[in-house]
Amino acid sequence: MQAEEKESAGKLRHVVIFKFKDSATPQDIKKVEEAFGELPKKISQIKEYEWGTNNSPEMFAKGFTHCFLVTFASEEDRAAYLPHPEHVKFVELLGPYLEEAFVIDYWAK
């Protein structure tokens, strides 16, 4: 993608979808939800944040229950976010409860 296309798109979306281990309790999952929700307050590169749980009537979720959408203004912002100490701390908290994750990034059109 050309630099001017990236800039005109303006929003780099980082979609993160979680499947939790069967052993993860509702309290464990709530702790993860709350910790992820704190990241926008701690990492200035996050421009927008939202999340929710799956409620699709289609049967394609494959056990994935939680979707988080993090928006960045640039690839440089995303590059700063990934190794950010607060993000690393969150990933460490998540680890014991996570069965599988699916991540996809795209420039919004």
Protein backbone atom coordinates (compact mmCIF):
# COMPACT_ATOMS: atom_id res chain seq x y z
CA MET A 1 0.00 0.00 0.00
CA GLN A 2 1.32 3.45 -0.89
CA ALA A 3 2.00 5.92 1.94
CA GLU A 4 -0.70 8.30 0.72
CA GLU A 5 -3.27 5.46 0.73
CA LYS A 6 -2.38 4.65 4.34
CA GLU A 7 -2.73 8.26 5.38
CA SER A 8 -6.03 8.72 3.59
CA ALA A 9 -7.41 5.57 5.21
CA GLY A 10 -6.44 7.02 8.56
CA LYS A 11 -7.34 4.03 10.69
CA LEU A 12 -5.23 0.95 11.15
CA ARG A 13 -7.49 -1.65 12.75
CA HIS A 14 -6.02 -4.36 14.98
CA VAL A 15 -8.63 -7.09 15.54
CA VAL A 16 -7.93 -9.56 18.35
CA ILE A 17 -10.22 -12.53 18.98
CA PHE A 18 -9.86 -14.84 21.98
CA LYS A 19 -10.88 -18.38 22.81
CA PHE A 20 -10.44 -19.01 26.53
CA LYS A 21 -9.42 -22.29 28.13
CA ASP A 22 -12.21 -24.35 29.66
CA SER A 23 -10.41 -23.91 32.98
CA ALA A 24 -10.72 -20.10 32.83
CA THR A 25 -13.33 -18.97 35.34
CA PRO A 26 -15.74 -16.08 34.75
CA GLN A 27 -13.60 -14.10 37.22
CA ASP A 28 -10.45 -14.87 35.20
CA ILE A 29 -12.13 -13.71 32.00
CA LYS A 30 -13.42 -10.54 33.67
CA LYS A 31 -9.87 -9.79 34.83
CA VAL A 32 -8.68 -10.08 31.21
CA GLU A 33 -11.52 -7.88 29.92
CA GLU A 34 -10.75 -5.19 32.48
CA ALA A 35 -6.99 -5.32 31.89
CA PHE A 36 -7.41 -4.99 28.11
CA GLY A 37 -9.82 -2.10 28.71
CA GLU A 38 -7.17 -0.25 30.71
CA LEU A 39 -4.63 -0.26 27.87
CA PRO A 40 -6.04 2.81 26.05
CA LYS A 41 -5.45 4.85 29.22
CA LYS A 42 -1.86 3.64 29.43
CA ILE A 43 -0.76 3.52 25.77
CA SER A 44 -1.18 6.80 23.92
CA GLN A 45 -0.83 5.20 20.49
CA ILE A 46 -4.27 3.59 20.87
CA LYS A 47 -6.69 5.98 19.15
CA GLU A 48 -9.90 3.94 19.55
CA TYR A 49 -10.86 0.82 21.45
CA GLU A 50 -13.96 -1.32 21.65
CA TRP A 51 -14.80 -4.88 22.46
CA GLY A 52 -17.65 -7.31 22.82
CA THR A 53 -18.59 -10.95 23.10
CA ASN A 54 -19.87 -13.08 20.26
CA ASN A 55 -23.62 -13.15 19.78
CA SER A 56 -23.77 -14.39 16.20
CA PRO A 57 -26.55 -16.87 15.44
CA GLU A 58 -24.27 -18.46 12.85
CA MET A 59 -22.27 -21.44 14.00
CA PHE A 60 -18.82 -20.30 12.84
CA ALA A 61 -17.27 -18.98 16.08
CA LYS A 62 -15.25 -22.18 16.71
CA GLY A 63 -15.17 -21.46 20.44
CA PHE A 64 -13.95 -17.87 20.10
CA THR A 65 -15.96 -15.64 22.41
CA HIS A 66 -14.30 -12.22 22.73
CA CYS A 67 -13.43 -9.67 20.05
CA PHE A 68 -11.32 -6.57 20.72
CA LEU A 69 -10.81 -3.80 18.17
CA VAL A 70 -7.84 -1.49 18.69
CA THR A 71 -7.30 1.39 16.26
CA PHE A 72 -4.01 3.10 15.45
CA ALA A 73 -3.28 6.11 13.26
CA SER A 74 -0.15 4.56 11.75
CA GLU A 75 1.96 1.44 11.45
CA GLU A 76 4.52 3.23 13.62
CA ASP A 77 1.93 3.53 16.39
CA ARG A 78 1.20 -0.19 16.12
CA ALA A 79 4.94 -0.90 16.18
CA ALA A 80 5.21 1.09 19.42
CA TYR A 81 2.17 -0.67 20.95
CA LEU A 82 3.24 -4.28 20.44
CA PRO A 83 6.41 -4.18 22.62
CA HIS A 84 5.02 -1.51 24.99
CA PRO A 85 5.57 -2.61 28.62
CA GLU A 86 1.85 -2.28 29.44
CA HIS A 87 0.90 -4.46 26.45
CA VAL A 88 3.55 -7.02 27.40
CA LYS A 89 2.19 -7.04 30.97
CA PHE A 90 -1.33 -7.62 29.63
CA VAL A 91 -0.16 -10.53 27.45
CA GLU A 92 1.49 -12.10 30.49
CA LEU A 93 -1.75 -11.77 32.50
CA LEU A 94 -3.74 -13.26 29.60
CA GLY A 95 -1.45 -16.23 29.00
CA PRO A 96 -2.71 -18.69 31.62
CA TYR A 97 -6.33 -18.30 30.47
CA LEU A 98 -5.92 -18.20 26.69
CA GLU A 99 -6.60 -21.29 24.59
CA GLU A 100 -6.14 -19.58 21.23
CA ALA A 101 -6.05 -16.13 19.64
CA PHE A 102 -6.74 -14.88 16.14
CA VAL A 103 -5.33 -11.51 15.10
CA ILE A 104 -5.77 -9.60 11.86
CA ASP A 105 -4.81 -6.02 11.04
CA TYR A 106 -6.12 -3.92 8.17
CA TRP A 107 -6.35 -0.36 6.92
CA ALA A 108 -9.99 0.76 7.12
CA LYS A 109 -11.44 1.79 3.77
